[in-house]
């Protein structure tokens, strides 16, 4: 027979294990998403650097493929507590609101040029990574703050090769961050 202290300790251990499993599942899905977006962002920045005239088309393709890939990932990996289909229309609304706000800031209010756009969007995405780190684990915070700092360094100190810098910083950073999350 166990006493109340032993029972409390055992329940605390079980709760700790449950939390670690939830975090590992979240990190696994987030790592797939980070690698997916990283590859797309890398390609988008390379197109921007090599063929600037096609940059607008490239970024529309990056956004559509990126959002579509995340929706597919969610459908193929529904939450374990769900009894229905893993797709939730709120996910589409999140994307719509996210991109609408970014567009409003960069094109309606701000009228950003290519360099400012190349800085704003990574910083905007990484803001949400950093915020997620407050709830879901330090890996999100490290990725968000690291890519943000390197983006700002590139904005202020890298000249014409800024899109190439961003391919490696933002695209490569997301890929490395996603692979790192799999190991945590």
Protein backbone atom coordinates (compact mmCIF):
# COMPACT_ATOMS: atom_id res chain seq x y z
CA UNK A 1 0.00 0.00 0.00
CA UNK A 2 1.32 3.46 -0.86
CA UNK A 3 0.79 6.55 1.22
CA UNK A 4 -0.53 9.90 -0.01
CA UNK A 5 2.95 11.36 -0.61
CA UNK A 6 3.96 8.44 -2.81
CA UNK A 7 0.64 8.62 -4.68
CA UNK A 8 1.10 12.37 -5.25
CA UNK A 9 4.65 11.82 -6.48
CA UNK A 10 3.50 9.06 -8.84
CA UNK A 11 0.71 11.27 -10.24
CA UNK A 12 3.17 14.14 -10.70
CA UNK A 13 5.51 11.80 -12.61
CA UNK A 14 2.65 10.66 -14.83
CA UNK A 15 1.62 14.27 -15.49
CA UNK A 16 5.24 15.13 -16.38
CA UNK A 17 5.38 12.24 -18.86
CA UNK A 18 2.07 13.29 -20.44
CA UNK A 19 3.36 16.86 -20.87
CA UNK A 20 6.60 15.62 -22.45
CA UNK A 21 4.68 13.42 -24.90
CA UNK A 22 2.41 16.33 -25.88
CA UNK A 23 5.43 18.59 -26.40
CA UNK A 24 7.26 15.95 -28.45
CA UNK A 25 4.19 15.49 -30.68
CA UNK A 26 3.92 19.26 -31.10
CA UNK A 27 7.63 19.54 -31.87
CA UNK A 28 7.38 16.72 -34.42
CA UNK A 29 4.56 18.42 -36.33
CA UNK A 30 6.18 21.84 -35.97
CA UNK A 31 9.46 20.44 -37.29
CA UNK A 32 7.76 19.15 -40.44
CA UNK A 33 6.14 22.57 -40.91
CA UNK A 34 9.42 24.44 -40.33
CA UNK A 35 11.34 22.28 -42.81
CA UNK A 36 8.52 22.62 -45.38
CA UNK A 37 8.38 26.41 -45.06
CA UNK A 38 12.17 26.63 -44.89
CA UNK A 39 12.58 24.87 -48.23
CA UNK A 40 9.92 27.07 -49.84
CA UNK A 41 11.35 30.28 -48.37
CA UNK A 42 14.85 29.29 -49.47
CA UNK A 43 13.56 28.82 -53.03
CA UNK A 44 11.58 32.08 -52.92
CA UNK A 45 14.62 34.06 -51.84
CA UNK A 46 16.80 32.42 -54.49
CA UNK A 47 14.28 33.41 -57.18
CA UNK A 48 14.22 36.93 -55.73
CA UNK A 49 18.01 37.14 -55.89
CA UNK A 50 18.52 35.48 -59.30
CA UNK A 51 15.43 36.71 -61.17
CA UNK A 52 13.96 39.71 -59.31
CA UNK A 53 11.37 40.27 -62.03
CA UNK A 54 9.70 36.97 -61.03
CA UNK A 55 9.88 37.57 -57.26
CA UNK A 56 6.19 38.48 -56.90
CA UNK A 57 5.09 35.27 -58.58
CA UNK A 58 7.56 33.23 -56.56
CA UNK A 59 6.26 34.57 -53.24
CA UNK A 60 2.63 33.96 -54.16
CA UNK A 61 3.61 30.36 -54.99
CA UNK A 62 5.57 30.07 -51.71
CA UNK A 63 2.58 31.29 -49.69
CA UNK A 64 0.04 29.07 -51.47
CA UNK A 65 2.24 25.96 -51.31
CA UNK A 66 3.23 26.71 -47.71
CA UNK A 67 -0.33 27.20 -46.46
CA UNK A 68 -1.56 24.22 -48.49
CA UNK A 69 1.18 22.04 -47.05
CA UNK A 70 0.24 23.00 -43.50
CA UNK A 71 -3.43 22.28 -44.14
CA UNK A 72 -2.45 18.88 -45.59
CA UNK A 73 -0.21 18.20 -42.59
CA UNK A 74 -3.10 18.97 -40.25
CA UNK A 75 -5.50 16.75 -42.19
CA UNK A 76 -3.01 13.86 -42.24
CA UNK A 77 -2.13 14.32 -38.54
CA UNK A 78 -5.34 15.10 -36.66
CA UNK A 79 -5.12 15.75 -32.93
CA UNK A 80 -5.31 12.58 -30.86
CA UNK A 81 -8.17 13.94 -28.78
CA UNK A 82 -10.33 14.67 -31.83
CA UNK A 83 -13.19 12.35 -32.70
CA UNK A 84 -13.78 13.78 -36.15
CA UNK A 85 -11.80 14.91 -39.14
CA UNK A 86 -8.52 16.68 -38.32
CA UNK A 87 -9.37 19.73 -40.46
CA UNK A 88 -10.77 22.81 -38.80
CA UNK A 89 -11.89 25.85 -40.78
CA UNK A 90 -10.26 28.05 -38.13
CA UNK A 91 -6.87 27.07 -39.60
CA UNK A 92 -7.85 28.67 -42.92
CA UNK A 93 -9.11 31.74 -41.09
CA UNK A 94 -5.79 32.04 -39.25
CA UNK A 95 -3.94 32.07 -42.59
CA UNK A 96 -6.39 34.55 -44.10
CA UNK A 97 -6.11 36.94 -41.14
CA UNK A 98 -2.33 36.55 -40.93
CA UNK A 99 -1.74 37.36 -44.59
CA UNK A 100 -4.45 40.06 -44.73
CA UNK A 101 -2.84 41.92 -41.81
CA UNK A 102 0.62 41.59 -43.37
CA UNK A 103 -0.67 42.83 -46.72
CA UNK A 104 -2.45 45.74 -45.02
CA UNK A 105 0.78 46.75 -43.25
CA UNK A 106 3.12 46.36 -46.22
CA UNK A 107 1.04 47.42 -49.21
CA UNK A 108 -1.85 49.57 -48.02
CA UNK A 109 -0.39 51.48 -45.08
CA UNK A 110 3.35 51.11 -45.60
CA UNK A 111 4.02 50.78 -49.35
CA UNK A 112 7.17 48.77 -48.64
CA UNK A 113 9.90 48.28 -51.22
CA UNK A 114 11.49 44.90 -51.96
CA UNK A 115 14.12 45.16 -49.22
CA UNK A 116 11.56 46.18 -46.60
CA UNK A 117 9.25 43.35 -47.69
CA UNK A 118 12.17 40.92 -47.44
CA UNK A 119 12.66 42.07 -43.87
CA UNK A 120 9.07 42.53 -42.69
CA UNK A 121 7.70 39.09 -43.58
CA UNK A 122 10.42 37.05 -41.81
CA UNK A 123 10.18 39.32 -38.74
CA UNK A 124 6.38 39.01 -38.79
CA UNK A 125 6.53 35.20 -38.99
CA UNK A 126 9.23 35.03 -36.32
CA UNK A 127 7.15 37.18 -33.97
CA UNK A 128 4.63 34.35 -33.86
CA UNK A 129 7.38 31.75 -33.45
CA UNK A 130 8.69 33.70 -30.46
CA UNK A 131 5.21 34.06 -29.00
CA UNK A 132 4.62 30.32 -29.44
CA UNK A 133 7.82 29.76 -27.48
CA UNK A 134 6.18 31.32 -24.43
CA UNK A 135 3.62 28.49 -24.40
CA UNK A 136 5.09 25.54 -26.26
CA UNK A 137 8.81 25.44 -25.55
CA UNK A 138 12.12 27.19 -25.88
CA UNK A 139 12.86 25.85 -29.38
CA UNK A 140 10.23 28.15 -30.90
CA UNK A 141 11.69 31.11 -29.01
CA UNK A 142 15.27 30.30 -30.07
CA UNK A 143 14.30 29.91 -33.73
CA UNK A 144 12.21 33.09 -33.74
CA UNK A 145 14.74 35.31 -32.01
CA UNK A 146 17.72 33.87 -33.91
CA UNK A 147 16.20 34.37 -37.36
CA UNK A 148 14.92 37.83 -36.36
CA UNK A 149 18.37 38.96 -35.21
CA UNK A 150 20.07 37.65 -38.36
CA UNK A 151 17.37 39.25 -40.53
CA UNK A 152 18.02 42.64 -38.95
CA UNK A 153 21.79 42.22 -39.34
CA UNK A 154 21.24 41.49 -43.02
CA UNK A 155 18.87 44.44 -43.45
CA UNK A 156 21.37 46.91 -42.04
CA UNK A 157 24.69 45.43 -43.21
CA UNK A 158 24.21 43.22 -46.29
CA UNK A 159 23.98 44.99 -49.62
CA UNK A 160 22.75 43.61 -52.92
CA UNK A 161 23.08 40.02 -51.73
CA UNK A 162 20.33 40.52 -49.12
CA UNK A 163 17.93 38.02 -50.81
CA UNK A 164 20.71 35.42 -50.88
CA UNK A 165 21.44 36.18 -47.20
CA UNK A 166 17.75 35.68 -46.43
CA UNK A 167 17.66 32.38 -48.32
CA UNK A 168 20.21 31.01 -45.88
CA UNK A 169 19.07 32.91 -42.77
CA UNK A 170 15.31 32.48 -43.09
CA UNK A 171 14.99 29.40 -45.27
CA UNK A 172 18.05 27.65 -43.92
CA UNK A 173 17.24 28.77 -40.37
CA UNK A 174 13.78 27.23 -40.55
CA UNK A 175 15.17 23.99 -41.97
CA UNK A 176 17.86 23.77 -39.28
CA UNK A 177 15.36 24.76 -36.58
CA UNK A 178 12.93 22.10 -37.76
CA UNK A 179 15.62 19.43 -37.74
CA UNK A 180 16.75 20.58 -34.28
CA UNK A 181 13.17 20.28 -32.97
CA UNK A 182 13.13 16.63 -34.01
CA UNK A 183 16.11 15.94 -31.77
CA UNK A 184 14.75 17.66 -28.67
